[in-house]
């Protein structure tokens, strides 16, 4: 009986903590340049809802609660459910892409992954596995055969981003999320356009149920102008993140050039788009998914696709990323030092549906925190993007409306997002 009473007391305390104001934040909104670091500091308002009134999940996890606060408990149909399988990503080798003798065959591999699953992986591994590997926990025979018959995922080697830099970024992210709450809270903001933004959940201002995740968004364009706005703690965050942003952008440009070639876009048009991408939209999202007392009741991120051309993802050794394939969720095998790449909504629209922006989500666990770093790349925010003219004809009619960043923000602010994804909202009838 004493144990039950103590457990209930902890639960009540958790609910109070989740709703308690962050003491470091006054109630008047003002953007300030803070101290020698020049950091953007957001001081929240009551008019902007409860954005700054919700403590982050790292704080709750550190308090040692044994039950999940009600604000994080998903309805039964939205809970993660059983794990059906685990996937290791096959390989695309950038060294072969750079070699004229092997470029054509490597483009075929990249093209197949973008068309079939929308996911592939860049890795520092030096040996190519003979075939993609899918480990099944419980699946019907016909589903296993369908998966094994398709080249569903791939991983890229020789990508040029050093293991030291990858590990360094994940380490500095981990140390940022370990800072005292008041020092992290300096960067809280409800403004999705803010160049630096610390927060929790997925879309905190709109989420009816919160998700078990904290994040730090770092805008990366133009890099020389925004670095001074990034957090000055830990002391090496700016230097490590800036080096990664430059290497990461170079890899994105090389992958996009290959994707455009695989799609058959004429050189003069692809070079024009690549020129725009040099100064296009770019950001790094550092994510922390703390150990969760009841992971079966919640998610780190809900099912979603990405608003960009390509996403490049780093993750530590803790598994959590899951991909929707053939109506089932598969857990991506975490390979230390690898970079996972996925097609975003913009590339599906630009390719007129040839390349697939697939749903994915993040599952949490009860024993280990997970750290990841996602970078999102696309055209400049003011640029309108639609299907490439070369990919639309009588046999392949236009399948998507044009879109831009303002359209995406309006979608986020509307009730439409409760019923469909942004990509679904851009599809033409028929």
Protein backbone atom coordinates (compact mmCIF):
# COMPACT_ATOMS: atom_id res chain seq x y z
CA UNK A 1 0.00 0.00 0.00
CA UNK A 2 2.83 2.40 0.88
CA UNK A 3 4.41 1.77 -2.52
CA UNK A 4 1.10 2.58 -4.27
CA UNK A 5 0.70 5.82 -2.32
CA UNK A 6 4.28 6.84 -3.12
CA UNK A 7 3.77 6.04 -6.80
CA UNK A 8 0.61 8.18 -6.90
CA UNK A 9 2.44 11.02 -5.19
CA UNK A 10 5.14 10.87 -7.85
CA UNK A 11 2.50 10.94 -10.58
CA UNK A 12 0.83 14.03 -9.10
CA UNK A 13 4.23 15.67 -8.84
CA UNK A 14 4.91 14.87 -12.49
CA UNK A 15 1.65 16.51 -13.57
CA UNK A 16 2.51 19.61 -11.56
CA UNK A 17 6.02 19.75 -13.02
CA UNK A 18 4.70 19.45 -16.58
CA UNK A 19 2.46 22.49 -16.10
CA UNK A 20 4.75 24.59 -13.90
CA UNK A 21 6.07 27.84 -15.43
CA UNK A 22 9.73 28.03 -16.32
CA UNK A 23 11.03 30.47 -13.73
CA UNK A 24 13.69 31.85 -16.03
CA UNK A 25 11.04 33.25 -18.39
CA UNK A 26 9.13 36.47 -17.60
CA UNK A 27 5.71 36.93 -19.19
CA UNK A 28 6.48 39.66 -21.72
CA UNK A 29 7.71 38.69 -25.18
CA UNK A 30 10.94 40.35 -26.20
CA UNK A 31 13.87 39.26 -28.24
CA UNK A 32 17.13 40.24 -26.64
CA UNK A 33 20.77 39.83 -27.49
CA UNK A 34 22.13 38.04 -24.47
CA UNK A 35 25.61 38.61 -22.99
CA UNK A 36 28.83 38.05 -24.88
CA UNK A 37 27.31 35.16 -26.81
CA UNK A 38 24.78 37.35 -28.63
CA UNK A 39 22.15 34.67 -28.08
CA UNK A 40 18.53 35.19 -29.00
CA UNK A 41 16.52 35.04 -25.79
CA UNK A 42 12.78 34.57 -25.88
CA UNK A 43 10.63 35.70 -22.98
CA UNK A 44 7.20 34.12 -23.48
CA UNK A 45 3.72 35.59 -23.19
CA UNK A 46 0.46 34.17 -21.92
CA UNK A 47 -1.21 35.28 -25.17
CA UNK A 48 0.87 32.80 -27.11
CA UNK A 49 -0.71 29.93 -25.22
CA UNK A 50 1.20 27.60 -22.98
CA UNK A 51 4.36 27.35 -25.10
CA UNK A 52 6.72 28.54 -22.37
CA UNK A 53 4.64 27.06 -19.57
CA UNK A 54 5.58 23.46 -20.38
CA UNK A 55 8.74 22.02 -18.92
CA UNK A 56 10.83 19.92 -21.26
CA UNK A 57 10.89 16.12 -21.06
CA UNK A 58 14.55 16.00 -20.07
CA UNK A 59 13.58 17.79 -16.85
CA UNK A 60 10.72 15.35 -16.20
CA UNK A 61 12.85 12.30 -16.98
CA UNK A 62 15.57 13.43 -14.57
CA UNK A 63 13.03 13.59 -11.73
CA UNK A 64 12.67 9.80 -11.84
CA UNK A 65 8.90 9.53 -12.35
CA UNK A 66 7.54 6.01 -12.84
CA UNK A 67 4.35 7.03 -14.66
CA UNK A 68 3.93 9.15 -17.75
CA UNK A 69 2.17 12.51 -17.22
CA UNK A 70 -1.27 12.51 -18.86
CA UNK A 71 -0.23 15.23 -21.33
CA UNK A 72 2.05 12.68 -23.02
CA UNK A 73 -0.32 9.69 -23.12
CA UNK A 74 -1.51 8.97 -26.68
CA UNK A 75 -4.96 7.56 -27.48
CA UNK A 76 -4.92 3.78 -27.97
CA UNK A 77 -4.92 3.85 -31.83
CA UNK A 78 -1.90 6.21 -31.92
CA UNK A 79 0.35 4.26 -29.55
CA UNK A 80 3.48 2.60 -30.97
CA UNK A 81 2.24 -1.00 -30.83
CA UNK A 82 4.32 -4.11 -31.53
CA UNK A 83 7.66 -4.04 -33.33
CA UNK A 84 7.34 -6.03 -36.56
CA UNK A 85 10.85 -5.86 -37.94
CA UNK A 86 14.25 -4.20 -38.04
CA UNK A 87 16.12 -3.07 -41.15
CA UNK A 88 19.79 -2.60 -41.98
CA UNK A 89 20.30 -0.17 -44.79
CA UNK A 90 22.12 -1.27 -47.97
CA UNK A 91 24.90 0.80 -49.53
CA UNK A 92 25.45 3.50 -52.16
CA UNK A 93 29.10 4.47 -52.50
CA UNK A 94 29.85 8.14 -53.19
CA UNK A 95 33.35 7.18 -54.33
CA UNK A 96 31.69 5.18 -57.11
CA UNK A 97 29.35 8.08 -57.86
CA UNK A 98 32.45 10.24 -58.41
CA UNK A 99 34.04 7.62 -60.67
CA UNK A 100 32.85 7.88 -64.33
CA UNK A 101 33.32 4.12 -64.74
CA UNK A 102 30.82 3.30 -61.97
CA UNK A 103 28.57 6.38 -61.80
CA UNK A 104 25.75 4.96 -63.95
CA UNK A 105 25.31 1.80 -61.85
CA UNK A 106 25.48 3.77 -58.59
CA UNK A 107 22.87 6.23 -59.87
CA UNK A 108 20.57 3.26 -60.52
CA UNK A 109 20.92 2.19 -56.88
CA UNK A 110 20.18 5.68 -55.58
CA UNK A 111 17.26 6.08 -58.00
CA UNK A 112 15.71 2.76 -56.93
CA UNK A 113 15.82 3.68 -53.24
CA UNK A 114 14.29 7.13 -53.84
CA UNK A 115 11.47 5.62 -55.89
CA UNK A 116 10.67 2.66 -53.64
CA UNK A 117 11.26 3.70 -50.04
CA UNK A 118 12.55 7.26 -50.02
CA UNK A 119 15.33 6.33 -47.56
CA UNK A 120 19.01 5.54 -47.90
CA UNK A 121 22.02 5.82 -45.67
CA UNK A 122 25.48 7.38 -45.90
CA UNK A 123 28.08 5.62 -43.77
CA UNK A 124 31.77 5.66 -42.98
CA UNK A 125 31.79 1.90 -43.52
CA UNK A 126 34.36 0.80 -46.06
CA UNK A 127 32.70 -2.45 -47.18
CA UNK A 128 29.48 -2.84 -49.08
CA UNK A 129 27.07 -5.52 -47.80
CA UNK A 130 26.00 -7.96 -50.46
CA UNK A 131 22.31 -7.10 -50.05
CA UNK A 132 19.92 -5.20 -47.81
CA UNK A 133 19.14 -7.03 -44.59
CA UNK A 134 15.72 -7.04 -42.94
CA UNK A 135 15.28 -8.83 -39.62
CA UNK A 136 11.69 -9.91 -39.02
CA UNK A 137 10.17 -10.35 -35.59
CA UNK A 138 6.70 -11.32 -36.80
CA UNK A 139 5.45 -10.84 -40.34
CA UNK A 140 3.25 -12.71 -42.78
CA UNK A 141 5.11 -14.67 -45.46
CA UNK A 142 3.74 -12.52 -48.30
CA UNK A 143 4.96 -9.35 -46.60
CA UNK A 144 8.43 -10.83 -46.10
CA UNK A 145 8.57 -11.79 -49.78
CA UNK A 146 7.48 -8.32 -50.86
CA UNK A 147 10.15 -6.66 -48.73
CA UNK A 148 12.92 -8.98 -49.85
CA UNK A 149 11.95 -8.49 -53.49
CA UNK A 150 12.48 -4.72 -53.33
CA UNK A 151 15.65 -2.74 -52.75
CA UNK A 152 13.90 -0.82 -50.03
CA UNK A 153 16.71 1.08 -48.30
CA UNK A 154 20.38 1.85 -48.85
CA UNK A 155 23.41 3.27 -47.10
CA UNK A 156 26.13 5.46 -48.59
CA UNK A 157 29.84 5.02 -47.93
CA UNK A 158 32.74 7.43 -48.53
CA UNK A 159 30.49 10.41 -47.88
CA UNK A 160 33.32 12.69 -46.76
CA UNK A 161 31.95 13.69 -43.35
CA UNK A 162 34.49 12.42 -40.82
CA UNK A 163 33.58 10.11 -37.96
CA UNK A 164 35.26 12.59 -35.61
CA UNK A 165 32.91 15.37 -36.75
CA UNK A 166 29.82 13.13 -36.54
CA UNK A 167 30.67 11.98 -33.02
CA UNK A 168 31.59 15.53 -32.05
CA UNK A 169 28.22 16.95 -33.06
CA UNK A 170 26.28 14.24 -31.21
CA UNK A 171 28.46 14.76 -28.14
CA UNK A 172 28.00 18.54 -28.08
CA UNK A 173 24.24 18.05 -28.54
CA UNK A 174 24.16 15.68 -25.57
CA UNK A 175 26.03 18.21 -23.44
CA UNK A 176 23.65 21.01 -24.44
CA UNK A 177 20.63 19.01 -23.28
CA UNK A 178 22.43 18.28 -20.00
CA UNK A 179 22.72 22.00 -19.20
CA UNK A 180 20.52 23.34 -16.38
CA UNK A 181 17.00 24.11 -17.61
CA UNK A 182 17.29 27.87 -17.04
CA UNK A 183 20.29 28.07 -19.40
CA UNK A 184 18.53 26.07 -22.12
CA UNK A 185 15.29 28.02 -21.66
CA UNK A 186 16.99 31.22 -22.85
CA UNK A 187 16.37 29.95 -26.38
CA UNK A 188 12.69 29.02 -26.06
CA UNK A 189 10.46 30.56 -28.72
CA UNK A 190 7.01 29.94 -30.22
CA UNK A 191 8.22 31.53 -33.49
CA UNK A 192 8.95 28.79 -36.05
CA UNK A 193 10.93 31.34 -38.09
CA UNK A 194 13.36 32.07 -35.24
CA UNK A 195 16.98 31.33 -36.30
CA UNK A 196 17.56 29.61 -32.95
CA UNK A 197 14.76 27.81 -31.14
CA UNK A 198 14.65 25.46 -28.16
CA UNK A 199 11.46 23.57 -27.41
CA UNK A 200 9.72 20.31 -26.75
CA UNK A 201 7.27 17.93 -28.49
CA UNK A 202 6.55 18.20 -32.27
CA UNK A 203 4.35 21.27 -32.78
CA UNK A 204 3.99 22.31 -29.16
CA UNK A 205 1.53 25.14 -29.75
CA UNK A 206 -0.88 22.78 -31.56
CA UNK A 207 -0.22 19.29 -30.14
CA UNK A 208 -3.24 18.00 -28.21
CA UNK A 209 -0.91 15.36 -26.75
CA UNK A 210 2.76 16.17 -26.27
CA UNK A 211 5.57 13.99 -27.60
CA UNK A 212 8.59 12.77 -25.59
CA UNK A 213 11.25 14.91 -27.23
CA UNK A 214 13.25 18.11 -26.68
CA UNK A 215 14.95 19.93 -29.56
CA UNK A 216 17.28 22.77 -30.46
CA UNK A 217 16.90 24.23 -33.96
CA UNK A 218 19.90 25.96 -35.51
CA UNK A 219 19.29 27.98 -38.67
CA UNK A 220 22.25 27.63 -41.06
CA UNK A 221 21.72 30.24 -43.78
CA UNK A 222 23.66 32.40 -44.16
CA UNK A 223 26.05 30.55 -41.89
CA UNK A 224 28.38 33.48 -41.23
CA UNK A 225 25.44 35.57 -39.97
CA UNK A 226 23.65 33.04 -37.77
CA UNK A 227 26.51 31.34 -35.93
CA UNK A 228 26.74 34.27 -33.50
CA UNK A 229 23.08 33.67 -32.57
CA UNK A 230 23.62 30.00 -31.68
CA UNK A 231 24.01 29.01 -28.00
CA UNK A 232 27.40 29.84 -26.49
CA UNK A 233 27.11 26.80 -24.20
CA UNK A 234 28.70 24.30 -24.43
CA UNK A 235 31.71 26.39 -25.37
CA UNK A 236 32.48 24.31 -28.50
CA UNK A 237 28.89 24.06 -29.82
CA UNK A 238 29.25 26.85 -32.39
CA UNK A 239 32.56 25.65 -33.76
CA UNK A 240 31.54 21.97 -34.03
CA UNK A 241 28.06 22.68 -35.44
CA UNK A 242 29.43 25.17 -38.00
CA UNK A 243 32.03 22.67 -39.25
CA UNK A 244 29.34 20.01 -39.51
CA UNK A 245 26.94 22.39 -41.30
CA UNK A 246 29.53 23.08 -44.01
CA UNK A 247 30.42 19.41 -44.54
CA UNK A 248 26.77 18.41 -44.42
CA UNK A 249 25.77 21.01 -47.01
CA UNK A 250 28.49 19.81 -49.36
CA UNK A 251 27.18 16.23 -49.07
CA UNK A 252 23.60 17.43 -49.70
CA UNK A 253 24.67 19.23 -52.88
CA UNK A 254 26.44 16.13 -54.18
CA UNK A 255 23.43 13.92 -53.47
CA UNK A 256 21.03 16.39 -55.09
CA UNK A 257 23.18 16.59 -58.21
CA UNK A 258 23.06 12.80 -58.42
CA UNK A 259 19.28 12.70 -57.84
CA UNK A 260 18.64 15.26 -60.59
CA UNK A 261 20.81 13.29 -62.99
CA UNK A 262 19.00 10.06 -62.10
CA UNK A 263 15.66 11.80 -62.78
CA UNK A 264 16.90 12.81 -66.24
CA UNK A 265 16.75 16.57 -65.64
CA UNK A 266 18.76 18.35 -68.39
CA UNK A 267 22.08 19.72 -67.22
CA UNK A 268 21.19 23.38 -67.81
CA UNK A 269 18.09 23.07 -65.60
CA UNK A 270 19.76 21.02 -62.88
CA UNK A 271 22.67 23.47 -62.69
CA UNK A 272 20.20 26.35 -62.31
CA UNK A 273 18.46 24.61 -59.40
CA UNK A 274 21.75 23.65 -57.79
CA UNK A 275 22.81 27.29 -57.99
CA UNK A 276 19.72 28.26 -55.99
CA UNK A 277 20.41 25.53 -53.45
CA UNK A 278 23.83 26.96 -52.63
CA UNK A 279 21.97 29.66 -50.70
CA UNK A 280 18.84 27.64 -50.02
CA UNK A 281 16.97 26.74 -46.85
CA UNK A 282 19.16 24.84 -44.38
CA UNK A 283 18.83 24.04 -40.70
CA UNK A 284 20.11 21.55 -38.13
CA UNK A 285 17.71 20.10 -35.56
CA UNK A 286 19.35 18.59 -32.49
CA UNK A 287 17.00 16.14 -30.76
CA UNK A 288 16.97 14.57 -27.31
CA UNK A 289 14.65 11.65 -26.49
CA UNK A 290 15.18 10.92 -22.77
CA UNK A 291 14.45 7.56 -21.17
CA UNK A 292 10.68 7.34 -20.77
CA UNK A 293 8.85 5.71 -17.82
CA UNK A 294 6.12 4.21 -20.06
CA UNK A 295 7.35 4.18 -23.68
CA UNK A 296 4.46 1.99 -24.81
CA UNK A 297 2.08 4.94 -24.25
CA UNK A 298 3.83 7.64 -26.26
CA UNK A 299 6.20 8.48 -29.12
CA UNK A 300 9.23 10.70 -29.49
CA UNK A 301 7.86 12.03 -32.78
CA UNK A 302 4.54 11.18 -34.47
CA UNK A 303 4.31 9.79 -38.02
CA UNK A 304 5.35 12.57 -40.40
CA UNK A 305 7.21 13.36 -43.59
CA UNK A 306 9.78 16.15 -43.95
CA UNK A 307 9.20 19.57 -45.51
CA UNK A 308 12.38 19.79 -47.63
CA UNK A 309 14.20 18.24 -50.58
CA UNK A 310 16.45 15.94 -48.53
CA UNK A 311 16.97 15.26 -44.83
CA UNK A 312 20.35 14.03 -43.56
CA UNK A 313 20.16 12.38 -40.14
CA UNK A 314 22.76 11.41 -37.57
CA UNK A 315 21.77 9.13 -34.70
CA UNK A 316 23.71 7.60 -31.84
CA UNK A 317 23.80 3.86 -31.08
CA UNK A 318 20.29 3.89 -29.56
CA UNK A 319 17.57 2.68 -31.92
CA UNK A 320 14.37 4.66 -32.32
CA UNK A 321 13.80 5.72 -35.93
CA UNK A 322 11.02 3.74 -37.62
CA UNK A 323 9.97 3.82 -41.28
CA UNK A 324 6.54 2.98 -42.69
CA UNK A 325 6.88 0.30 -45.36
CA UNK A 326 4.01 -1.69 -46.87
CA UNK A 327 1.73 -0.57 -44.05
CA UNK A 328 4.06 -1.71 -41.27
CA UNK A 329 6.62 0.05 -39.08
CA UNK A 330 10.23 -1.13 -39.37
CA UNK A 331 12.96 -0.01 -36.95
CA UNK A 332 16.11 1.29 -38.64
CA UNK A 333 19.24 -0.41 -37.37
CA UNK A 334 21.44 2.27 -35.76
CA UNK A 335 24.94 2.21 -37.29
CA UNK A 336 27.36 4.51 -35.40
CA UNK A 337 29.02 7.02 -37.73
CA UNK A 338 26.35 6.73 -40.43
CA UNK A 339 24.20 9.38 -42.06
CA UNK A 340 20.65 8.41 -43.01
CA UNK A 341 19.20 10.28 -45.98
CA UNK A 342 15.52 10.54 -46.83
CA UNK A 343 13.47 12.14 -49.57
CA UNK A 344 11.41 15.12 -48.39
CA UNK A 345 8.08 16.50 -49.58
CA UNK A 346 9.72 18.99 -51.94
CA UNK A 347 11.59 16.28 -53.83
CA UNK A 348 8.44 14.18 -54.20
CA UNK A 349 6.64 17.25 -55.58
CA UNK A 350 9.55 18.21 -57.86
CA UNK A 351 9.82 14.64 -59.19
CA UNK A 352 6.03 14.60 -59.76
CA UNK A 353 5.70 11.59 -57.48
CA UNK A 354 8.55 9.48 -58.89
CA UNK A 355 10.51 9.84 -55.64
CA UNK A 356 8.73 9.11 -52.37
CA UNK A 357 8.62 11.17 -49.18
CA UNK A 358 7.70 8.41 -46.73
CA UNK A 359 6.20 8.55 -43.26
CA UNK A 360 8.56 7.95 -40.37
CA UNK A 361 8.38 8.32 -36.59
CA UNK A 362 10.53 7.99 -33.47
CA UNK A 363 9.94 5.45 -30.74
CA UNK A 364 11.38 5.93 -27.23
CA UNK A 365 12.53 3.41 -24.62
CA UNK A 366 12.63 3.11 -20.84
CA UNK A 367 16.38 2.74 -20.26
CA UNK A 368 18.42 4.97 -22.59
CA UNK A 369 18.30 8.54 -23.86
CA UNK A 370 18.68 8.90 -27.64
CA UNK A 371 20.42 11.82 -29.35
CA UNK A 372 20.05 12.64 -33.04
CA UNK A 373 20.82 15.51 -35.39
CA UNK A 374 18.66 16.07 -38.47
CA UNK A 375 19.56 18.60 -41.15
CA UNK A 376 16.92 19.79 -43.59
CA UNK A 377 17.80 21.24 -47.01
CA UNK A 378 15.68 22.85 -49.70
CA UNK A 379 15.19 25.84 -51.98
CA UNK A 380 15.16 29.40 -50.54
CA UNK A 381 12.05 30.02 -48.42
CA UNK A 382 10.58 32.54 -50.87
CA UNK A 383 10.95 30.18 -53.83
CA UNK A 384 7.89 28.38 -55.23
CA UNK A 385 8.48 24.74 -56.10
CA UNK A 386 6.37 22.47 -58.29
CA UNK A 387 6.78 19.44 -60.56
CA UNK A 388 9.67 19.72 -63.03
CA UNK A 389 8.40 20.43 -66.54
CA UNK A 390 10.53 17.56 -67.89
CA UNK A 391 8.62 15.08 -65.72
CA UNK A 392 5.10 16.13 -66.79
CA UNK A 393 3.54 14.95 -70.05
CA UNK A 394 0.35 13.35 -71.36
CA UNK A 395 1.28 9.99 -69.89
CA UNK A 396 2.43 11.51 -66.59
CA UNK A 397 0.06 14.37 -65.75
CA UNK A 398 0.89 16.94 -63.08
CA UNK A 399 0.12 15.41 -59.66
CA UNK A 400 0.90 18.28 -57.24
CA UNK A 401 0.13 21.94 -56.70
CA UNK A 402 2.95 24.46 -56.45
CA UNK A 403 4.02 25.24 -52.90
CA UNK A 404 6.18 27.61 -50.87
CA UNK A 405 7.14 28.18 -47.24
CA UNK A 406 4.18 30.50 -46.56
CA UNK A 407 1.80 27.74 -47.70
CA UNK A 408 3.46 25.32 -45.30
CA UNK A 409 3.19 27.74 -42.35
CA UNK A 410 -0.49 28.34 -43.11
CA UNK A 411 -1.02 24.58 -43.14
CA UNK A 412 0.64 24.23 -39.71
CA UNK A 413 -1.59 26.97 -38.31
CA UNK A 414 -4.77 25.43 -39.73
CA UNK A 415 -6.95 22.57 -38.55
CA UNK A 416 -6.25 20.74 -41.82
CA UNK A 417 -3.13 19.12 -40.36
CA UNK A 418 -5.28 17.05 -37.99
CA UNK A 419 -6.71 15.10 -40.92
CA UNK A 420 -3.92 14.86 -43.52
CA UNK A 421 -0.21 15.41 -44.06
CA UNK A 422 1.09 18.54 -45.79
CA UNK A 423 2.03 16.45 -48.83
CA UNK A 424 -1.52 15.11 -49.07
CA UNK A 425 -2.80 18.69 -49.00
CA UNK A 426 -0.71 19.50 -52.12
CA UNK A 427 -1.88 16.55 -54.22
CA UNK A 428 -4.19 17.26 -57.15
CA UNK A 429 -7.38 15.26 -57.53
CA UNK A 430 -7.43 12.46 -60.03
